[in-house]
Protein backbone atom coordinates (compact mmCIF):
# COMPACT_ATOMS: atom_id res chain seq x y z
CA MET A 1 -0.20 0.20 0.19
CA ASN A 2 1.50 3.19 -1.06
CA LYS A 3 1.08 6.54 1.18
CA ASN A 4 -1.63 8.28 -0.77
CA GLU A 5 -3.77 5.14 -0.44
CA CYS A 6 -3.17 4.81 3.25
CA VAL A 7 -3.90 8.73 3.92
CA GLY A 8 -6.87 8.33 1.60
CA ASN A 9 -8.13 5.51 3.76
CA ILE A 10 -7.83 7.08 7.26
CA GLN A 11 -9.31 10.38 5.78
CA ARG A 12 -12.22 8.63 4.48
CA PHE A 13 -12.82 6.86 7.61
CA LEU A 14 -12.46 10.07 9.90
CA SER A 15 -14.43 12.30 7.61
CA GLN A 16 -17.65 10.16 7.82
CA GLU A 17 -19.90 11.77 10.61
CA SER A 18 -21.95 8.37 10.83
CA PHE A 19 -22.95 6.71 14.25
CA LYS A 20 -20.95 3.62 13.16
CA VAL A 21 -17.84 5.76 13.26
CA ASN A 22 -18.41 7.51 16.23
CA SER A 23 -19.18 3.94 17.99
CA LEU A 24 -16.14 2.62 17.03
CA LEU A 25 -14.17 5.22 18.10
CA ARG A 26 -16.32 6.15 21.12
CA GLY A 27 -15.79 9.92 21.15
CA ASN A 28 -12.04 9.65 20.39
CA SER A 29 -12.73 10.86 16.89
CA GLU A 30 -11.53 14.28 17.37
CA GLY A 31 -8.17 12.97 19.10
CA PHE A 32 -7.72 10.78 15.75
CA ARG A 33 -8.38 13.81 13.82
CA LYS A 34 -5.91 16.07 15.75
CA ALA A 35 -3.65 13.20 15.61
CA PHE A 36 -3.84 13.04 11.70
CA SER A 37 -3.45 16.78 11.35
CA ILE A 38 -0.10 16.66 13.06
CA ILE A 39 0.95 13.62 11.38
CA SER A 40 0.14 15.24 7.91
CA ARG A 41 1.67 18.56 8.68
CA HIS A 42 5.04 16.77 9.69
CA ILE A 43 4.88 14.76 6.31
CA GLU A 44 4.40 17.88 4.38
CA GLU A 45 7.42 19.46 6.37
CA LEU A 46 9.65 16.43 5.64
CA ASN A 47 8.63 16.18 1.97
CA ASN A 48 9.51 20.08 1.66
CA GLU A 49 12.72 19.40 3.23
CA CYS A 50 12.23 21.65 6.23
CA GLU A 51 14.92 21.38 9.10
CA ASN A 52 12.82 21.96 11.69
CA ILE A 53 9.49 20.03 12.53
CA THR A 54 6.73 22.08 14.18
CA ASN A 55 5.95 21.77 17.72
CA TYR A 56 3.65 19.30 18.78
CA ASP A 57 2.55 17.01 21.56
CA PRO A 58 3.41 13.58 20.97
CA SER A 59 1.20 12.20 23.55
CA VAL A 60 -1.87 13.12 21.31
CA ILE A 61 -0.39 10.46 19.11
CA THR A 62 0.30 7.97 21.40
CA GLN A 63 -2.97 8.06 22.99
CA THR A 64 -4.50 7.02 19.77
CA ILE A 65 -2.23 4.05 19.80
CA ASN A 66 -3.09 3.23 23.26
CA TYR A 67 -6.93 3.43 22.40
CA LEU A 68 -6.42 1.07 19.51
CA LYS A 69 -4.34 -1.50 21.74
CA GLY A 70 -7.32 -1.31 24.39
CA ILE A 71 -9.95 -1.79 21.46
CA ILE A 72 -8.24 -4.78 19.73
CA ILE A 73 -7.72 -6.49 23.51
CA GLU A 74 -11.20 -6.05 24.76
CA ASP A 75 -13.67 -5.77 21.92
CA PRO A 76 -15.04 -7.56 18.89
CA ILE A 77 -13.23 -6.24 15.75
CA THR A 78 -15.29 -5.51 12.55
CA GLN A 79 -13.59 -5.70 9.24
CA GLU A 80 -13.88 -1.81 8.59
CA PHE A 81 -12.16 -1.26 11.94
CA ALA A 82 -9.44 -3.56 11.35
CA ASP A 83 -8.72 -1.68 7.98
CA PHE A 84 -8.88 1.72 9.76
CA ALA A 85 -6.66 0.34 12.78
CA ASP A 86 -3.89 -1.35 10.36
CA ASN A 87 -3.89 2.09 8.05
CA TRP A 88 -3.50 4.24 11.28
CA CYS A 89 -0.72 2.04 12.69
CA LEU A 90 1.20 2.24 9.26
CA PHE A 91 0.72 5.80 9.16
CA VAL A 92 1.84 6.40 12.77
CA PHE A 93 4.78 4.06 12.29
CA ASN A 94 6.18 5.77 9.19
CA TRP A 95 5.88 9.38 11.12
CA ASN A 96 7.38 7.67 13.97
CA ASN A 97 10.66 6.42 12.30
CA ASN A 98 10.92 9.90 10.71
CA VAL A 99 9.86 12.25 13.61
CA LEU A 100 9.41 10.86 17.09
CA LYS A 101 11.64 7.99 16.73
CA ASN A 102 10.30 6.48 19.96
CA ASP A 103 10.90 2.62 20.02
CA ASP A 104 7.67 1.95 22.42
CA LEU A 105 5.42 3.78 20.16
CA GLY A 106 7.11 1.67 16.99
CA LYS A 107 6.51 -1.68 18.87
CA ASP A 108 2.91 -0.68 19.74
CA THR A 109 2.12 -0.19 16.29
CA VAL A 110 3.49 -3.55 15.27
CA PHE A 111 1.68 -5.21 17.69
CA ILE A 112 -1.46 -3.72 16.72
CA GLN A 113 -0.97 -4.90 13.37
CA LYS A 114 -0.02 -8.38 14.13
CA ALA A 115 -2.67 -8.87 16.85
CA LEU A 116 -5.16 -7.63 13.93
CA LYS A 117 -3.65 -10.35 11.51
CA GLN A 118 -3.73 -13.14 14.19
CA HIS A 119 -7.32 -12.12 15.08
CA PHE A 120 -8.76 -12.65 11.64
CA THR A 121 -6.85 -15.77 11.28
CA ILE A 122 -8.14 -17.32 14.61
CA ILE A 123 -11.79 -16.34 13.32
CA GLU A 124 -11.27 -17.90 10.02
CA THR A 125 -9.68 -21.17 11.99
CA ILE A 126 -13.01 -20.93 14.21
CA ASP A 127 -15.28 -21.24 10.87
CA VAL A 128 -13.39 -23.92 9.48
CA MET A 129 -13.49 -25.88 12.47
CA LYS A 130 -17.18 -25.31 12.88
CA ARG A 131 -17.79 -26.84 9.27
CA MET A 132 -15.58 -29.77 10.10
CA ASN A 133 -17.49 -30.53 13.20
CA LYS A 134 -20.65 -30.37 11.27
CA LYS A 135 -19.49 -32.65 8.74
CA PHE A 136 -17.82 -35.17 11.32
CA LYS A 137 -21.19 -35.25 12.92
CA GLU A 138 -22.81 -36.41 9.82
CA ILE A 139 -20.30 -38.86 8.87
CA ASN A 140 -20.58 -40.10 12.44
CA ASN A 141 -24.31 -40.64 12.38
CA TRP A 142 -24.03 -42.12 8.76
CA ASN A 143 -23.88 -46.19 8.70
CA PRO A 144 -24.02 -47.88 5.78
CA PRO A 145 -26.32 -50.93 5.39
CA ALA A 146 -23.26 -53.30 5.64
CA PHE A 147 -22.23 -52.23 8.99
CA GLU A 148 -25.74 -52.92 10.08
CA VAL A 149 -24.99 -56.56 8.44
CA ALA A 150 -21.85 -56.74 10.25
CA LYS A 151 -23.55 -55.99 13.61
CA HIS A 152 -26.11 -58.65 13.21
CA TYR A 153 -23.36 -61.17 12.34
CA ILE A 154 -21.16 -60.19 14.98
CA ASN A 155 -24.04 -60.65 17.56
CA TYR A 156 -24.96 -63.78 16.34
CA LEU A 157 -21.53 -65.07 16.54
CA GLU A 158 -21.61 -64.07 20.18
CA GLU A 159 -24.52 -65.91 21.05
């Protein structure tokens, strides 16, 4: 995914004033928007090769990552939210590597991305196991006529 796709996906998600987005971000949408504007401004400054990055409060950005960690650990995850969180982490990770250079923030973004991938892998595994369980039950309940004959024959031999 390139920078423009990532930024576009984040902008689309944050620009929606729907109940769904507000419920996913639980009132933290302004914090995400503020962090997005800070990071976007810094990216523009880096692209323009400015030597001094404007002042900012890194806690605004770390709060968004901490919020995402909490959501991923505690709440059910929709695909839409996972896509946003993955894009957001990529965005923050790249910003962190160029501006803040905080190891903990970098680790947290990688953790969130890995947790999202593992979450959906586990969901897919659960679905496959449910289908397999259903098929095994069907196979277990199926007795061909030869088995019935064999049971009667074994019972006859035992008498």
